């Protein structure tokens, strides 16, 4: 038994398709723009780390002003121990930094990148309403 296949597309559509730029031509310039696997993994870990509501609440307060652990704990209705634990994690990820003034330690956002990231996400979520 012999099967004969025919092209179901009209010749005009085939000619139009053949005149389109090939996918490889469009992708080639983008190849140097692709994230490396290592950087993509680090970014995924970073965003995963930010997936904790308490950390985001701490960042929201520090986006306004620098605060000490006791002030953060009172404002967030959390224990000082829990706040300190989260601040240690935030410091390890270079999201917050601190300064000592006598016996007090004041925390602030590490730099403007952290503030801009926080503000951009907050603004994006506000747009959805």
C-alpha atoms as a PDB file:
ATOM      1  CA  UNK A   1       0.000   0.000   0.000  1.00  0.00           C
ATOM      2  CA  UNK A   2       1.422   3.322  -1.046  1.00  0.00           C
ATOM      3  CA  UNK A   3       0.644   6.602   0.721  1.00  0.00           C
ATOM      4  CA  UNK A   4       1.053   9.870  -1.101  1.00  0.00           C
ATOM      5  CA  UNK A   5       1.399  12.964   1.113  1.00  0.00           C
ATOM      6  CA  UNK A   6       0.652  16.369  -0.211  1.00  0.00           C
ATOM      7  CA  UNK A   7       1.336  19.723   1.313  1.00  0.00           C
ATOM      8  CA  UNK A   8      -1.892  21.212   2.625  1.00  0.00           C
ATOM      9  CA  UNK A   9      -0.595  24.790   2.532  1.00  0.00           C
ATOM     10  CA  UNK A  10      -1.171  26.911  -0.545  1.00  0.00           C
ATOM     11  CA  UNK A  11       2.011  27.827  -2.428  1.00  0.00           C
ATOM     12  CA  UNK A  12       1.486  31.519  -1.575  1.00  0.00           C
ATOM     13  CA  UNK A  13       1.693  30.766   2.183  1.00  0.00           C
ATOM     14  CA  UNK A  14       4.775  28.601   1.670  1.00  0.00           C
ATOM     15  CA  UNK A  15       6.503  31.412  -0.216  1.00  0.00           C
ATOM     16  CA  UNK A  16       5.555  33.933   2.488  1.00  0.00           C
ATOM     17  CA  UNK A  17       6.902  31.623   5.193  1.00  0.00           C
ATOM     18  CA  UNK A  18      10.178  31.080   3.341  1.00  0.00           C
ATOM     19  CA  UNK A  19      10.700  34.836   3.158  1.00  0.00           C
ATOM     20  CA  UNK A  20      10.446  35.284   6.950  1.00  0.00           C
ATOM     21  CA  UNK A  21      13.726  35.736   8.846  1.00  0.00           C
ATOM     22  CA  UNK A  22      14.899  32.455  10.233  1.00  0.00           C
ATOM     23  CA  UNK A  23      14.615  31.962  14.003  1.00  0.00           C
ATOM     24  CA  UNK A  24      18.369  31.384  14.267  1.00  0.00           C
ATOM     25  CA  UNK A  25      18.987  34.865  12.808  1.00  0.00           C
ATOM     26  CA  UNK A  26      16.871  36.452  15.558  1.00  0.00           C
ATOM     27  CA  UNK A  27      18.258  34.375  18.421  1.00  0.00           C
ATOM     28  CA  UNK A  28      21.950  34.728  17.637  1.00  0.00           C
ATOM     29  CA  UNK A  29      22.294  38.327  18.943  1.00  0.00           C
ATOM     30  CA  UNK A  30      20.475  37.340  22.165  1.00  0.00           C
ATOM     31  CA  UNK A  31      22.803  34.490  23.069  1.00  0.00           C
ATOM     32  CA  UNK A  32      25.200  36.788  24.959  1.00  0.00           C
ATOM     33  CA  UNK A  33      22.233  38.260  26.905  1.00  0.00           C
ATOM     34  CA  UNK A  34      21.142  34.965  28.470  1.00  0.00           C
ATOM     35  CA  UNK A  35      21.778  34.566  32.192  1.00  0.00           C
ATOM     36  CA  UNK A  36      24.395  32.012  33.052  1.00  0.00           C
ATOM     37  CA  UNK A  37      23.046  28.994  34.895  1.00  0.00           C
ATOM     38  CA  UNK A  38      25.042  29.979  37.980  1.00  0.00           C
ATOM     39  CA  UNK A  39      23.669  33.534  38.063  1.00  0.00           C
ATOM     40  CA  UNK A  40      20.131  32.303  37.384  1.00  0.00           C
ATOM     41  CA  UNK A  41      20.449  29.908  40.333  1.00  0.00           C
ATOM     42  CA  UNK A  42      21.735  32.678  42.613  1.00  0.00           C
ATOM     43  CA  UNK A  43      18.889  34.968  41.560  1.00  0.00           C
ATOM     44  CA  UNK A  44      16.329  32.222  42.145  1.00  0.00           C
ATOM     45  CA  UNK A  45      17.721  31.667  45.652  1.00  0.00           C
ATOM     46  CA  UNK A  46      17.621  35.403  46.293  1.00  0.00           C
ATOM     47  CA  UNK A  47      13.962  35.728  45.272  1.00  0.00           C
ATOM     48  CA  UNK A  48      13.098  32.577  47.202  1.00  0.00           C
ATOM     49  CA  UNK A  49      14.755  34.114  50.263  1.00  0.00           C
ATOM     50  CA  UNK A  50      12.522  37.171  49.887  1.00  0.00           C
ATOM     51  CA  UNK A  51       9.484  34.889  49.965  1.00  0.00           C
ATOM     52  CA  UNK A  52       9.209  35.257  53.748  1.00  0.00           C
ATOM     53  CA  UNK A  53       6.535  37.677  54.950  1.00  0.00           C
ATOM     54  CA  UNK A  54       8.407  38.647  58.130  1.00  0.00           C
ATOM     55  CA  UNK A  55      11.548  39.524  56.191  1.00  0.00           C
ATOM     56  CA  UNK A  56       9.490  41.684  53.853  1.00  0.00           C
ATOM     57  CA  UNK A  57       7.808  43.393  56.787  1.00  0.00           C
ATOM     58  CA  UNK A  58      11.227  44.187  58.258  1.00  0.00           C
ATOM     59  CA  UNK A  59      12.382  45.550  54.906  1.00  0.00           C
ATOM     60  CA  UNK A  60       9.220  47.668  54.678  1.00  0.00           C
ATOM     61  CA  UNK A  61      10.081  49.392  57.954  1.00  0.00           C
ATOM     62  CA  UNK A  62      13.749  49.794  57.079  1.00  0.00           C
ATOM     63  CA  UNK A  63      12.729  51.333  53.749  1.00  0.00           C
ATOM     64  CA  UNK A  64      11.346  54.210  55.860  1.00  0.00           C
ATOM     65  CA  UNK A  65      14.165  54.663  58.391  1.00  0.00           C
ATOM     66  CA  UNK A  66      16.881  52.861  60.271  1.00  0.00           C
ATOM     67  CA  UNK A  67      15.725  51.135  63.446  1.00  0.00           C
ATOM     68  CA  UNK A  68      17.081  49.071  66.298  1.00  0.00           C
ATOM     69  CA  UNK A  69      15.957  45.503  67.052  1.00  0.00           C
ATOM     70  CA  UNK A  70      13.679  46.511  69.912  1.00  0.00           C
ATOM     71  CA  UNK A  71      11.870  49.110  67.774  1.00  0.00           C
ATOM     72  CA  UNK A  72      11.466  46.617  64.934  1.00  0.00           C
ATOM     73  CA  UNK A  73      10.169  43.958  67.321  1.00  0.00           C
ATOM     74  CA  UNK A  74       7.637  46.355  68.851  1.00  0.00           C
ATOM     75  CA  UNK A  75       6.420  47.622  65.484  1.00  0.00           C
ATOM     76  CA  UNK A  76       6.071  44.102  64.068  1.00  0.00           C
ATOM     77  CA  UNK A  77       4.714  42.512  67.231  1.00  0.00           C
ATOM     78  CA  UNK A  78       7.533  39.946  67.128  1.00  0.00           C
ATOM     79  CA  UNK A  79      10.061  38.877  69.721  1.00  0.00           C
ATOM     80  CA  UNK A  80      13.463  40.537  69.636  1.00  0.00           C
ATOM     81  CA  UNK A  81      14.992  37.097  69.176  1.00  0.00           C
ATOM     82  CA  UNK A  82      12.885  36.429  66.056  1.00  0.00           C
ATOM     83  CA  UNK A  83      13.722  39.851  64.627  1.00  0.00           C
ATOM     84  CA  UNK A  84      17.434  39.349  65.338  1.00  0.00           C
ATOM     85  CA  UNK A  85      17.325  35.995  63.592  1.00  0.00           C
ATOM     86  CA  UNK A  86      15.736  37.521  60.495  1.00  0.00           C
ATOM     87  CA  UNK A  87      18.188  40.430  60.543  1.00  0.00           C
ATOM     88  CA  UNK A  88      21.106  37.974  60.611  1.00  0.00           C
ATOM     89  CA  UNK A  89      19.687  36.314  57.501  1.00  0.00           C
ATOM     90  CA  UNK A  90      19.075  39.657  55.820  1.00  0.00           C
ATOM     91  CA  UNK A  91      22.661  40.728  56.598  1.00  0.00           C
ATOM     92  CA  UNK A  92      24.009  37.468  55.166  1.00  0.00           C
ATOM     93  CA  UNK A  93      22.173  38.243  51.906  1.00  0.00           C
ATOM     94  CA  UNK A  94      23.512  41.830  51.989  1.00  0.00           C
ATOM     95  CA  UNK A  95      20.023  43.298  52.152  1.00  0.00           C
ATOM     96  CA  UNK A  96      20.576  45.138  55.433  1.00  0.00           C
ATOM     97  CA  UNK A  97      23.571  46.580  57.188  1.00  0.00           C
ATOM     98  CA  UNK A  98      24.019  48.078  60.615  1.00  0.00           C
ATOM     99  CA  UNK A  99      25.872  50.679  62.611  1.00  0.00           C
ATOM    100  CA  UNK A 100      26.619  50.733  66.297  1.00  0.00           C
ATOM    101  CA  UNK A 101      25.953  53.768  68.435  1.00  0.00           C
ATOM    102  CA  UNK A 102      27.053  53.079  71.975  1.00  0.00           C
ATOM    103  CA  UNK A 103      25.200  49.970  73.104  1.00  0.00           C
ATOM    104  CA  UNK A 104      22.560  50.286  70.376  1.00  0.00           C
ATOM    105  CA  UNK A 105      22.705  48.701  66.941  1.00  0.00           C
ATOM    106  CA  UNK A 106      20.727  50.394  64.177  1.00  0.00           C
ATOM    107  CA  UNK A 107      19.753  48.556  61.002  1.00  0.00           C
ATOM    108  CA  UNK A 108      19.122  50.042  57.583  1.00  0.00           C
ATOM    109  CA  UNK A 109      18.762  48.810  54.022  1.00  0.00           C
ATOM    110  CA  UNK A 110      22.169  47.898  52.650  1.00  0.00           C
ATOM    111  CA  UNK A 111      22.042  50.217  49.647  1.00  0.00           C
ATOM    112  CA  UNK A 112      19.795  51.953  47.148  1.00  0.00           C
ATOM    113  CA  UNK A 113      19.451  48.761  45.056  1.00  0.00           C
ATOM    114  CA  UNK A 114      17.567  47.100  47.905  1.00  0.00           C
ATOM    115  CA  UNK A 115      15.328  50.135  48.340  1.00  0.00           C
ATOM    116  CA  UNK A 116      14.592  50.306  44.600  1.00  0.00           C
ATOM    117  CA  UNK A 117      13.835  46.585  44.446  1.00  0.00           C
ATOM    118  CA  UNK A 118      11.452  46.863  47.395  1.00  0.00           C
ATOM    119  CA  UNK A 119       9.751  49.952  45.942  1.00  0.00           C
ATOM    120  CA  UNK A 120       9.418  48.403  42.472  1.00  0.00           C
ATOM    121  CA  UNK A 121       7.745  45.260  43.807  1.00  0.00           C
ATOM    122  CA  UNK A 122       5.419  47.250  46.078  1.00  0.00           C
ATOM    123  CA  UNK A 123       4.472  49.545  43.192  1.00  0.00           C
ATOM    124  CA  UNK A 124       3.902  46.602  40.865  1.00  0.00           C
ATOM    125  CA  UNK A 125       1.567  44.946  43.351  1.00  0.00           C
ATOM    126  CA  UNK A 126      -0.338  48.203  43.904  1.00  0.00           C
ATOM    127  CA  UNK A 127      -0.966  48.431  40.135  1.00  0.00           C
ATOM    128  CA  UNK A 128      -2.862  45.125  40.185  1.00  0.00           C
ATOM    129  CA  UNK A 129      -5.692  46.579  42.253  1.00  0.00           C
END
